[in-house]
Protein backbone atom coordinates (compact mmCIF):
# COMPACT_ATOMS: atom_id res chain seq x y z
CA UNK A 1 0.11 1.29 -8.63
CA UNK A 2 -3.32 -0.02 -7.83
CA UNK A 3 -3.87 -1.55 -4.43
CA UNK A 4 -7.03 -3.47 -3.88
CA UNK A 5 -8.21 -4.72 -0.56
CA UNK A 6 -10.63 -7.49 0.15
CA UNK A 7 -11.86 -10.05 2.66
CA UNK A 8 -10.38 -13.50 1.98
CA UNK A 9 -8.90 -14.92 -1.18
CA UNK A 10 -10.78 -18.19 -0.63
CA UNK A 11 -14.21 -16.58 -0.99
CA UNK A 12 -16.00 -16.31 -4.32
CA UNK A 13 -15.84 -12.57 -4.96
CA UNK A 14 -12.26 -12.28 -3.69
CA UNK A 15 -11.12 -15.17 -5.83
CA UNK A 16 -12.71 -13.68 -8.96
CA UNK A 17 -11.30 -10.23 -8.15
CA UNK A 18 -7.77 -11.56 -7.66
CA UNK A 19 -7.81 -13.54 -10.90
CA UNK A 20 -9.42 -10.69 -12.86
CA UNK A 21 -6.82 -8.15 -11.76
CA UNK A 22 -4.02 -10.67 -12.36
CA UNK A 23 -5.19 -11.02 -15.98
CA UNK A 24 -5.39 -7.24 -16.36
CA UNK A 25 -1.93 -6.75 -14.86
CA UNK A 26 -0.44 -9.00 -17.54
CA UNK A 27 -1.43 -6.47 -20.23
CA UNK A 28 -0.03 -3.42 -18.45
CA UNK A 29 3.47 -1.97 -18.84
CA UNK A 30 6.09 -3.69 -16.70
CA UNK A 31 6.63 -0.67 -14.46
CA UNK A 32 2.98 -0.68 -13.30
CA UNK A 33 2.57 -2.43 -9.97
CA UNK A 34 -0.77 -3.93 -9.02
CA UNK A 35 -1.20 -5.03 -5.43
CA UNK A 36 -3.93 -6.99 -3.75
CA UNK A 37 -3.94 -6.74 0.03
CA UNK A 38 -5.95 -8.82 2.46
CA UNK A 39 -6.06 -10.10 6.00
CA UNK A 40 -5.27 -13.61 4.76
CA UNK A 41 -2.21 -15.27 6.21
CA UNK A 42 0.80 -15.22 3.85
CA UNK A 43 0.80 -19.01 3.42
CA UNK A 44 -2.86 -18.93 2.31
CA UNK A 45 -2.05 -16.27 -0.28
CA UNK A 46 0.93 -18.25 -1.55
CA UNK A 47 -1.15 -21.42 -1.79
CA UNK A 48 -3.97 -19.66 -3.66
CA UNK A 49 -1.64 -17.90 -6.10
CA UNK A 50 0.24 -21.11 -6.84
CA UNK A 51 -2.97 -23.07 -7.42
CA UNK A 52 -4.60 -20.36 -9.56
CA UNK A 53 -1.56 -19.19 -11.55
CA UNK A 54 -1.59 -15.66 -10.11
CA UNK A 55 1.84 -14.38 -11.12
CA UNK A 56 1.57 -10.75 -12.24
CA UNK A 57 -0.57 -9.37 -9.42
CA UNK A 58 1.34 -8.99 -6.17
CA UNK A 59 -0.65 -10.22 -3.20
CA UNK A 60 0.21 -9.01 0.26
CA UNK A 61 -0.97 -9.84 3.76
CA UNK A 62 -2.01 -7.14 6.22
CA UNK A 63 -2.76 -9.80 8.81
CA UNK A 64 -0.10 -9.06 11.43
CA UNK A 65 -0.23 -5.29 11.81
CA UNK A 66 -3.31 -4.16 9.85
CA UNK A 67 -1.26 -1.08 8.89
CA UNK A 68 -2.73 -0.88 5.39
CA UNK A 69 -6.30 -1.26 6.60
CA UNK A 70 -5.81 1.33 9.32
CA UNK A 71 -3.95 3.83 7.11
CA UNK A 72 -6.46 3.62 4.26
CA UNK A 73 -9.51 3.45 6.54
CA UNK A 74 -10.72 0.09 5.24
CA UNK A 75 -10.17 -2.14 8.27
CA UNK A 76 -13.41 -3.64 9.55
CA UNK A 77 -12.27 -3.78 13.15
CA UNK A 78 -14.86 -6.12 14.66
CA UNK A 79 -14.28 -8.67 11.90
CA UNK A 80 -10.59 -7.95 11.27
CA UNK A 81 -11.25 -7.92 7.53
CA UNK A 82 -10.58 -5.29 4.91
CA UNK A 83 -13.51 -3.63 3.18
CA UNK A 84 -13.53 -4.31 -0.54
CA UNK A 85 -11.91 -1.26 -2.04
CA UNK A 86 -9.81 -0.08 -4.97
CA UNK A 87 -7.15 2.62 -4.91
CA UNK A 88 -5.30 3.78 -8.01
CA UNK A 89 -2.24 5.81 -7.11
CA UNK A 90 -0.17 7.68 -9.69
CA UNK A 91 3.63 7.78 -9.93
CA UNK A 92 3.78 10.82 -7.64
CA UNK A 93 1.81 9.03 -4.93
CA UNK A 94 -1.44 10.93 -5.56
CA UNK A 95 -4.78 9.16 -5.35
CA UNK A 96 -6.19 9.05 -8.89
CA UNK A 97 -9.20 6.80 -8.26
CA UNK A 98 -10.93 5.20 -5.30
CA UNK A 99 -13.86 2.88 -4.87
CA UNK A 100 -15.22 1.64 -1.57
CA UNK A 101 -17.64 -1.16 -2.36
CA UNK A 102 -20.76 -0.82 -0.16
CA UNK A 103 -21.01 -4.55 0.61
CA UNK A 104 -18.02 -6.84 0.97
CA UNK A 105 -19.96 -9.50 -0.96
CA UNK A 106 -20.25 -7.28 -4.06
CA UNK A 107 -17.78 -6.94 -6.90
CA UNK A 108 -15.96 -3.67 -7.50
CA UNK A 109 -16.38 -1.80 -10.77
CA UNK A 110 -13.51 -3.53 -12.56
CA UNK A 111 -13.84 -1.50 -15.75
CA UNK A 112 -13.82 1.87 -13.98
CA UNK A 113 -10.74 0.93 -11.95
CA UNK A 114 -8.86 -0.36 -14.97
CA UNK A 115 -9.87 2.67 -17.05
CA UNK A 116 -8.51 4.97 -14.34
CA UNK A 117 -5.29 2.97 -14.26
CA UNK A 118 -4.94 3.09 -18.05
CA UNK A 119 -5.16 6.90 -18.04
CA UNK A 120 -1.95 6.91 -15.99
CA UNK A 121 0.02 4.59 -18.26
CA UNK A 122 1.66 5.71 -21.49
């Protein structure tokens, strides 16, 4: 499982990140779950995924409760956004990789995250 968090799917970096991880998810074994979590409203996520063909990556909204952002320490409280971050979690629920991107406008290290994920898949 590899949750990513980000600002808004309708911004440039978030859009690229979502599509990039969707493409990567298509080449992973079927039992690997990739999640992308944001503060976007569910209807905005559904609209974006439908328009962009995002089918393999599961996108989730943390808008109502901010439970994910609070639990993982990535909620930017004053802005009610999630810091751009990557978490790779193994089958036993252990954190195998984490990246907290210094600026929300910067891309994560896609290759490092995917390499960490690949080490966990047979």
